[in-house]
């Protein structure tokens, strides 16, 4: 069963983490180049998806995997308004969701949603396994 309060809390934590990471990257000034900054953003997004998924799975023992997936995907959706504001504030010539080099290309959004779902699921599995073993990694479940 989907627990809305737990998913919203976890998604908000993931979105805030990703927003803070984006803010740090944007204000850091000239860095190693666009490719390097994009890699750091991807790493921050992956961490945010895992955190959101793990928090949702921890708070919902009756359905940890589905809640983890939804929370990780919602973290991405919660971050999208910030990305749109950055696009608007920079006055970028490229389109937001249309055009050859769109800032939020539909294929990129879809792939990020798939990545969020996969990493949220992985975090949910990890939390579930830790719960089953009593927090002892690699140990047999307690009986």
N, C-alpha and C. Protein backbone atom coordinates (compact mmCIF):
# COMPACT_ATOMS: atom_id res chain seq x y z
N UNK A 1 0.84 -1.18 0.00
CA UNK A 1 0.00 0.00 0.00
C UNK A 1 0.88 1.24 0.00
N UNK A 2 0.53 2.17 -0.82
CA UNK A 2 1.30 3.41 -0.92
C UNK A 2 0.96 4.32 0.26
N UNK A 3 1.97 4.71 1.00
CA UNK A 3 1.78 5.64 2.12
C UNK A 3 2.22 7.03 1.66
N UNK A 4 1.26 7.86 1.43
CA UNK A 4 1.51 9.17 0.84
C UNK A 4 2.42 10.03 1.70
N UNK A 5 2.21 10.05 3.00
CA UNK A 5 3.02 10.91 3.87
C UNK A 5 4.48 10.51 3.84
N UNK A 6 4.75 9.21 3.88
CA UNK A 6 6.14 8.74 3.86
C UNK A 6 6.80 9.03 2.51
N UNK A 7 6.04 8.84 1.45
CA UNK A 7 6.57 9.09 0.11
C UNK A 7 6.86 10.58 -0.08
N UNK A 8 5.96 11.43 0.38
CA UNK A 8 6.16 12.87 0.24
C UNK A 8 7.38 13.33 1.04
N UNK A 9 7.52 12.82 2.27
CA UNK A 9 8.71 13.18 3.08
C UNK A 9 10.00 12.74 2.40
N UNK A 10 10.02 11.51 1.92
CA UNK A 10 11.23 10.99 1.27
C UNK A 10 11.52 11.72 -0.04
N UNK A 11 10.48 11.99 -0.82
CA UNK A 11 10.67 12.70 -2.09
C UNK A 11 11.15 14.13 -1.83
N UNK A 12 10.61 14.77 -0.80
CA UNK A 12 11.06 16.12 -0.47
C UNK A 12 12.52 16.12 -0.06
N UNK A 13 12.94 15.12 0.70
CA UNK A 13 14.35 15.03 1.09
C UNK A 13 15.23 14.85 -0.14
N UNK A 14 14.82 13.97 -1.05
CA UNK A 14 15.60 13.76 -2.27
C UNK A 14 15.64 15.00 -3.15
N UNK A 15 14.49 15.66 -3.30
CA UNK A 15 14.44 16.88 -4.13
C UNK A 15 15.26 18.00 -3.52
N UNK A 16 15.21 18.14 -2.20
CA UNK A 16 16.02 19.17 -1.54
C UNK A 16 17.51 18.87 -1.68
N UNK A 17 17.87 17.61 -1.55
CA UNK A 17 19.26 17.22 -1.72
C UNK A 17 19.74 17.53 -3.14
N UNK A 18 18.93 17.17 -4.12
CA UNK A 18 19.29 17.43 -5.51
C UNK A 18 19.31 18.93 -5.81
N UNK A 19 18.38 19.68 -5.23
CA UNK A 19 18.36 21.13 -5.43
C UNK A 19 19.59 21.79 -4.82
N UNK A 20 19.96 21.36 -3.62
CA UNK A 20 21.16 21.91 -2.98
C UNK A 20 22.40 21.59 -3.80
N UNK A 21 22.47 20.37 -4.31
CA UNK A 21 23.61 19.96 -5.14
C UNK A 21 23.66 20.79 -6.42
N UNK A 22 22.50 21.02 -7.03
CA UNK A 22 22.44 21.84 -8.24
C UNK A 22 22.89 23.26 -7.94
N UNK A 23 22.42 23.82 -6.82
CA UNK A 23 22.81 25.17 -6.43
C UNK A 23 24.32 25.27 -6.24
N UNK A 24 24.92 24.28 -5.61
CA UNK A 24 26.38 24.27 -5.42
C UNK A 24 27.09 24.25 -6.76
N UNK A 25 26.62 23.41 -7.68
CA UNK A 25 27.27 23.32 -8.99
C UNK A 25 27.12 24.60 -9.79
N UNK A 26 25.94 25.24 -9.70
CA UNK A 26 25.71 26.46 -10.47
C UNK A 26 26.53 27.62 -9.92
N UNK A 27 26.64 27.71 -8.60
CA UNK A 27 27.36 28.83 -8.00
C UNK A 27 28.85 28.59 -7.86
N UNK A 28 29.32 27.42 -8.19
CA UNK A 28 30.74 27.12 -8.04
C UNK A 28 31.61 27.88 -9.04
N UNK A 29 30.99 28.46 -10.03
CA UNK A 29 31.76 29.22 -11.02
C UNK A 29 32.28 28.30 -12.11
N UNK A 30 33.16 28.82 -12.93
CA UNK A 30 33.70 28.01 -14.02
C UNK A 30 34.43 26.80 -13.46
N UNK A 31 34.05 25.66 -13.97
CA UNK A 31 34.65 24.42 -13.50
C UNK A 31 35.38 23.71 -14.61
N UNK A 32 35.41 22.41 -14.52
CA UNK A 32 36.14 21.63 -15.51
C UNK A 32 35.46 21.56 -16.86
N UNK A 33 34.36 22.23 -17.04
CA UNK A 33 33.67 22.23 -18.32
C UNK A 33 32.28 21.66 -18.18
N UNK A 34 31.52 21.78 -19.24
CA UNK A 34 30.12 21.33 -19.19
C UNK A 34 30.02 19.83 -18.97
N UNK A 35 30.90 19.08 -19.58
CA UNK A 35 30.87 17.63 -19.42
C UNK A 35 31.15 17.21 -17.99
N UNK A 36 32.12 17.84 -17.37
CA UNK A 36 32.45 17.51 -16.00
C UNK A 36 31.35 17.91 -15.04
N UNK A 37 30.74 19.05 -15.26
CA UNK A 37 29.65 19.51 -14.39
C UNK A 37 28.43 18.60 -14.56
N UNK A 38 28.17 18.16 -15.77
CA UNK A 38 27.06 17.24 -16.00
C UNK A 38 27.26 15.91 -15.30
N UNK A 39 28.49 15.45 -15.25
CA UNK A 39 28.78 14.20 -14.54
C UNK A 39 28.56 14.37 -13.04
N UNK A 40 28.95 15.51 -12.49
CA UNK A 40 28.71 15.77 -11.07
C UNK A 40 27.23 15.88 -10.78
N UNK A 41 26.46 16.47 -11.70
CA UNK A 41 25.02 16.56 -11.52
C UNK A 41 24.39 15.17 -11.56
N UNK A 42 24.85 14.33 -12.46
CA UNK A 42 24.33 12.96 -12.54
C UNK A 42 24.64 12.19 -11.27
N UNK A 43 25.82 12.38 -10.72
CA UNK A 43 26.17 11.72 -9.46
C UNK A 43 25.28 12.20 -8.33
N UNK A 44 25.05 13.51 -8.26
CA UNK A 44 24.16 14.06 -7.24
C UNK A 44 22.74 13.55 -7.39
N UNK A 45 22.28 13.43 -8.63
CA UNK A 45 20.93 12.90 -8.87
C UNK A 45 20.83 11.45 -8.41
N UNK A 46 21.85 10.66 -8.72
CA UNK A 46 21.83 9.26 -8.30
C UNK A 46 21.78 9.15 -6.78
N UNK A 47 22.57 9.95 -6.09
CA UNK A 47 22.56 9.94 -4.62
C UNK A 47 21.19 10.36 -4.10
N UNK A 48 20.60 11.37 -4.69
CA UNK A 48 19.28 11.85 -4.25
C UNK A 48 18.22 10.77 -4.46
N UNK A 49 18.27 10.04 -5.58
CA UNK A 49 17.31 8.97 -5.83
C UNK A 49 17.45 7.85 -4.80
N UNK A 50 18.69 7.51 -4.48
CA UNK A 50 18.93 6.44 -3.50
C UNK A 50 18.45 6.88 -2.11
N UNK A 51 18.75 8.11 -1.74
CA UNK A 51 18.32 8.61 -0.43
C UNK A 51 16.79 8.62 -0.33
N UNK A 52 16.12 9.11 -1.35
CA UNK A 52 14.66 9.15 -1.34
C UNK A 52 14.08 7.74 -1.25
N UNK A 53 14.63 6.83 -2.04
CA UNK A 53 14.14 5.45 -2.00
C UNK A 53 14.37 4.78 -0.66
N UNK A 54 15.55 5.00 -0.09
CA UNK A 54 15.86 4.38 1.20
C UNK A 54 14.98 4.94 2.31
N UNK A 55 14.75 6.24 2.31
CA UNK A 55 13.89 6.83 3.34
C UNK A 55 12.46 6.32 3.24
N UNK A 56 11.95 6.23 2.03
CA UNK A 56 10.58 5.74 1.85
C UNK A 56 10.47 4.27 2.25
N UNK A 57 11.45 3.47 1.89
CA UNK A 57 11.42 2.05 2.24
C UNK A 57 11.53 1.86 3.75
N UNK A 58 12.33 2.68 4.39
CA UNK A 58 12.49 2.58 5.84
C UNK A 58 11.19 2.90 6.57
N UNK A 59 10.45 3.87 6.06
CA UNK A 59 9.23 4.31 6.73
C UNK A 59 8.00 3.50 6.37
N UNK A 60 8.09 2.58 5.41
CA UNK A 60 6.93 1.80 4.98
C UNK A 60 7.28 0.32 4.93
N UNK A 61 7.28 -0.36 6.08
CA UNK A 61 7.66 -1.78 6.08
C UNK A 61 6.66 -2.69 5.39
N UNK A 62 5.42 -2.25 5.19
CA UNK A 62 4.44 -3.10 4.55
C UNK A 62 4.57 -3.14 3.02
N UNK A 63 5.11 -2.11 2.40
CA UNK A 63 5.32 -2.08 0.95
C UNK A 63 6.53 -1.21 0.63
N UNK A 64 7.72 -1.65 1.03
CA UNK A 64 8.88 -0.77 0.88
C UNK A 64 9.32 -0.52 -0.56
N UNK A 65 9.20 -1.51 -1.42
CA UNK A 65 9.73 -1.34 -2.78
C UNK A 65 8.91 -0.38 -3.61
N UNK A 66 7.60 -0.52 -3.58
CA UNK A 66 6.76 0.38 -4.37
C UNK A 66 6.87 1.81 -3.86
N UNK A 67 6.91 1.97 -2.55
CA UNK A 67 7.05 3.32 -1.98
C UNK A 67 8.41 3.91 -2.32
N UNK A 68 9.46 3.09 -2.34
CA UNK A 68 10.80 3.58 -2.67
C UNK A 68 10.87 4.04 -4.12
N UNK A 69 10.25 3.29 -5.02
CA UNK A 69 10.26 3.67 -6.44
C UNK A 69 9.52 4.99 -6.64
N UNK A 70 8.35 5.10 -6.06
CA UNK A 70 7.55 6.32 -6.23
C UNK A 70 8.27 7.52 -5.62
N UNK A 71 8.89 7.35 -4.46
CA UNK A 71 9.58 8.47 -3.82
C UNK A 71 10.78 8.93 -4.64
N UNK A 72 11.53 8.00 -5.20
CA UNK A 72 12.69 8.38 -6.01
C UNK A 72 12.26 9.13 -7.27
N UNK A 73 11.19 8.64 -7.90
CA UNK A 73 10.69 9.32 -9.09
C UNK A 73 10.10 10.69 -8.73
N UNK A 74 9.45 10.78 -7.59
CA UNK A 74 8.89 12.05 -7.15
C UNK A 74 9.98 13.05 -6.79
N UNK A 75 11.14 12.57 -6.34
CA UNK A 75 12.26 13.47 -6.06
C UNK A 75 12.69 14.18 -7.35
N UNK A 76 12.73 13.44 -8.45
CA UNK A 76 13.05 14.06 -9.75
C UNK A 76 11.99 15.07 -10.14
N UNK A 77 10.73 14.70 -10.00
CA UNK A 77 9.64 15.59 -10.37
C UNK A 77 9.67 16.85 -9.49
N UNK A 78 10.03 16.71 -8.23
CA UNK A 78 10.13 17.86 -7.35
C UNK A 78 11.28 18.79 -7.70
N UNK A 79 12.31 18.25 -8.34
CA UNK A 79 13.47 19.05 -8.73
C UNK A 79 13.24 19.81 -10.05
N UNK A 80 12.32 19.33 -10.87
CA UNK A 80 12.11 19.92 -12.20
C UNK A 80 11.76 21.41 -12.18
N UNK A 81 10.95 21.91 -11.24
CA UNK A 81 10.70 23.36 -11.24
C UNK A 81 11.98 24.18 -11.05
N UNK A 82 12.90 23.70 -10.24
CA UNK A 82 14.17 24.41 -10.08
C UNK A 82 14.92 24.45 -11.40
N UNK A 83 14.93 23.35 -12.12
CA UNK A 83 15.62 23.31 -13.41
C UNK A 83 14.98 24.29 -14.39
N UNK A 84 13.66 24.39 -14.35
CA UNK A 84 12.97 25.33 -15.23
C UNK A 84 13.31 26.77 -14.85
N UNK A 85 13.39 27.05 -13.57
CA UNK A 85 13.75 28.40 -13.11
C UNK A 85 15.17 28.74 -13.54
N UNK A 86 16.09 27.78 -13.43
CA UNK A 86 17.47 28.02 -13.88
C UNK A 86 17.51 28.31 -15.37
N UNK A 87 16.74 27.55 -16.15
CA UNK A 87 16.68 27.77 -17.59
C UNK A 87 16.19 29.19 -17.87
N UNK A 88 15.13 29.62 -17.17
CA UNK A 88 14.56 30.95 -17.38
C UNK A 88 15.54 32.04 -16.93
N UNK A 89 16.18 31.86 -15.76
CA UNK A 89 17.08 32.88 -15.21
C UNK A 89 18.32 33.06 -16.08
N UNK A 90 18.80 32.00 -16.67
CA UNK A 90 19.98 32.09 -17.53
C UNK A 90 19.66 32.68 -18.88
N UNK A 91 18.39 32.67 -19.26
CA UNK A 91 18.00 33.18 -20.57
C UNK A 91 18.60 32.36 -21.69
N UNK A 92 18.62 31.07 -21.48
CA UNK A 92 19.21 30.17 -22.48
C UNK A 92 18.44 30.25 -23.78
N UNK A 93 19.17 30.22 -24.88
CA UNK A 93 18.55 30.33 -26.20
C UNK A 93 17.83 29.04 -26.59
N UNK A 94 18.28 27.92 -26.03
CA UNK A 94 17.65 26.66 -26.39
C UNK A 94 16.30 26.52 -25.69
N UNK A 95 15.44 25.70 -26.27
CA UNK A 95 14.11 25.50 -25.71
C UNK A 95 14.15 24.71 -24.42
N UNK A 96 13.10 24.84 -23.65
CA UNK A 96 13.03 24.11 -22.39
C UNK A 96 12.76 22.63 -22.64
N UNK A 97 11.72 22.31 -23.41
CA UNK A 97 11.40 20.91 -23.69
C UNK A 97 11.34 20.60 -25.18
N UNK A 98 11.55 21.61 -26.03
CA UNK A 98 11.50 21.37 -27.47
C UNK A 98 12.79 21.86 -28.11
N UNK A 99 12.97 21.48 -29.32
CA UNK A 99 14.15 21.91 -30.07
C UNK A 99 15.23 20.85 -30.09
N UNK A 100 16.25 21.13 -30.85
CA UNK A 100 17.33 20.15 -31.04
C UNK A 100 18.14 19.93 -29.77
N UNK A 101 18.39 20.97 -29.00
CA UNK A 101 19.20 20.86 -27.79
C UNK A 101 18.39 21.36 -26.59
N UNK A 102 17.27 20.71 -26.33
CA UNK A 102 16.36 21.15 -25.26
C UNK A 102 17.01 20.96 -23.90
N UNK A 103 16.71 21.88 -22.99
CA UNK A 103 17.24 21.79 -21.63
C UNK A 103 16.65 20.59 -20.90
N UNK A 104 15.40 20.31 -21.12
CA UNK A 104 14.73 19.15 -20.52
C UNK A 104 14.10 18.32 -21.64
N UNK A 105 14.94 17.66 -22.41
CA UNK A 105 14.44 16.86 -23.52
C UNK A 105 13.58 15.72 -22.99
N UNK A 106 12.47 15.41 -23.66
CA UNK A 106 11.61 14.32 -23.19
C UNK A 106 12.33 12.98 -23.04
N UNK A 107 13.25 12.68 -23.94
CA UNK A 107 13.98 11.41 -23.80
C UNK A 107 14.88 11.43 -22.57
N UNK A 108 15.48 12.58 -22.26
CA UNK A 108 16.31 12.67 -21.07
C UNK A 108 15.47 12.55 -19.80
N UNK A 109 14.29 13.16 -19.81
CA UNK A 109 13.39 13.04 -18.66
C UNK A 109 12.95 11.60 -18.45
N UNK A 110 12.61 10.93 -19.54
CA UNK A 110 12.18 9.53 -19.43
C UNK A 110 13.31 8.66 -18.90
N UNK A 111 14.52 8.87 -19.41
CA UNK A 111 15.64 8.07 -18.92
C UNK A 111 15.95 8.37 -17.46
N UNK A 112 15.79 9.62 -17.04
CA UNK A 112 15.99 9.95 -15.63
C UNK A 112 14.91 9.32 -14.76
N UNK A 113 13.67 9.26 -15.24
CA UNK A 113 12.62 8.58 -14.50
C UNK A 113 12.93 7.09 -14.35
N UNK A 114 13.43 6.48 -15.41
CA UNK A 114 13.81 5.07 -15.32
C UNK A 114 14.98 4.87 -14.36
N UNK A 115 15.96 5.76 -14.41
CA UNK A 115 17.09 5.67 -13.49
C UNK A 115 16.63 5.86 -12.05
N UNK A 116 15.74 6.83 -11.83
CA UNK A 116 15.21 7.05 -10.48
C UNK A 116 14.47 5.82 -9.99
N UNK A 117 13.67 5.21 -10.84
CA UNK A 117 12.94 4.01 -10.44
C UNK A 117 13.90 2.87 -10.10
N UNK A 118 14.92 2.68 -10.92
CA UNK A 118 15.87 1.61 -10.67
C UNK A 118 16.68 1.83 -9.39
N UNK A 119 17.15 3.05 -9.19
CA UNK A 119 17.93 3.32 -7.98
C UNK A 119 17.05 3.35 -6.73
N UNK A 120 15.82 3.81 -6.86
CA UNK A 120 14.88 3.75 -5.75
C UNK A 120 14.58 2.31 -5.38
N UNK A 121 14.40 1.46 -6.39
CA UNK A 121 14.16 0.04 -6.14
C UNK A 121 15.37 -0.61 -5.48
N UNK A 122 16.57 -0.29 -5.96
CA UNK A 122 17.79 -0.85 -5.35
C UNK A 122 17.91 -0.42 -3.89
N UNK A 123 17.60 0.84 -3.60
CA UNK A 123 17.65 1.31 -2.22
C UNK A 123 16.59 0.61 -1.38
N UNK A 124 15.42 0.40 -1.94
CA UNK A 124 14.37 -0.32 -1.22
C UNK A 124 14.75 -1.75 -0.91
N UNK A 125 15.37 -2.42 -1.87
CA UNK A 125 15.84 -3.78 -1.64
C UNK A 125 16.90 -3.80 -0.54
N UNK A 126 17.81 -2.85 -0.59
CA UNK A 126 18.87 -2.78 0.43
C UNK A 126 18.28 -2.57 1.82
N UNK A 127 17.34 -1.65 1.95
CA UNK A 127 16.71 -1.39 3.26
C UNK A 127 15.94 -2.62 3.73
N UNK A 128 15.23 -3.26 2.81
CA UNK A 128 14.46 -4.45 3.17
C UNK A 128 15.38 -5.58 3.64
N UNK A 129 16.48 -5.78 2.96
CA UNK A 129 17.42 -6.83 3.37
C UNK A 129 18.06 -6.51 4.71
N UNK A 130 18.38 -5.25 4.93
CA UNK A 130 18.95 -4.87 6.24
C UNK A 130 17.93 -5.07 7.35
N UNK A 131 16.67 -4.78 7.06
CA UNK A 131 15.63 -4.98 8.06
C UNK A 131 15.46 -6.47 8.36
N UNK A 132 15.52 -7.30 7.31
CA UNK A 132 15.34 -8.74 7.50
C UNK A 132 16.47 -9.37 8.29
N UNK A 133 17.67 -8.83 8.14
CA UNK A 133 18.82 -9.38 8.87
C UNK A 133 19.06 -8.69 10.18
N UNK A 134 18.20 -7.77 10.53
CA UNK A 134 18.38 -7.05 11.80
C UNK A 134 19.49 -6.02 11.75
N UNK A 135 19.85 -5.59 10.55
CA UNK A 135 20.90 -4.58 10.41
C UNK A 135 22.28 -5.15 10.26
N UNK A 136 22.42 -6.48 10.38
CA UNK A 136 23.74 -7.11 10.23
C UNK A 136 23.92 -7.49 8.78
N UNK A 137 24.78 -6.79 8.08
CA UNK A 137 24.97 -7.09 6.66
C UNK A 137 25.65 -8.43 6.50
N UNK A 138 25.10 -9.26 5.65
CA UNK A 138 25.68 -10.56 5.36
C UNK A 138 25.30 -11.64 6.37
N UNK A 139 24.65 -11.30 7.44
CA UNK A 139 24.27 -12.30 8.44
C UNK A 139 22.94 -12.94 8.06
N UNK A 140 22.72 -14.11 8.60
CA UNK A 140 21.45 -14.80 8.37
C UNK A 140 20.33 -14.07 9.11
N UNK A 141 19.12 -14.12 8.58
CA UNK A 141 18.00 -13.46 9.28
C UNK A 141 17.80 -14.03 10.66
N UNK A 142 17.40 -13.19 11.59
CA UNK A 142 17.10 -13.64 12.95
C UNK A 142 15.80 -14.41 12.96
N UNK A 143 15.75 -15.44 13.77
CA UNK A 143 14.52 -16.25 13.87
C UNK A 143 13.95 -16.16 15.23
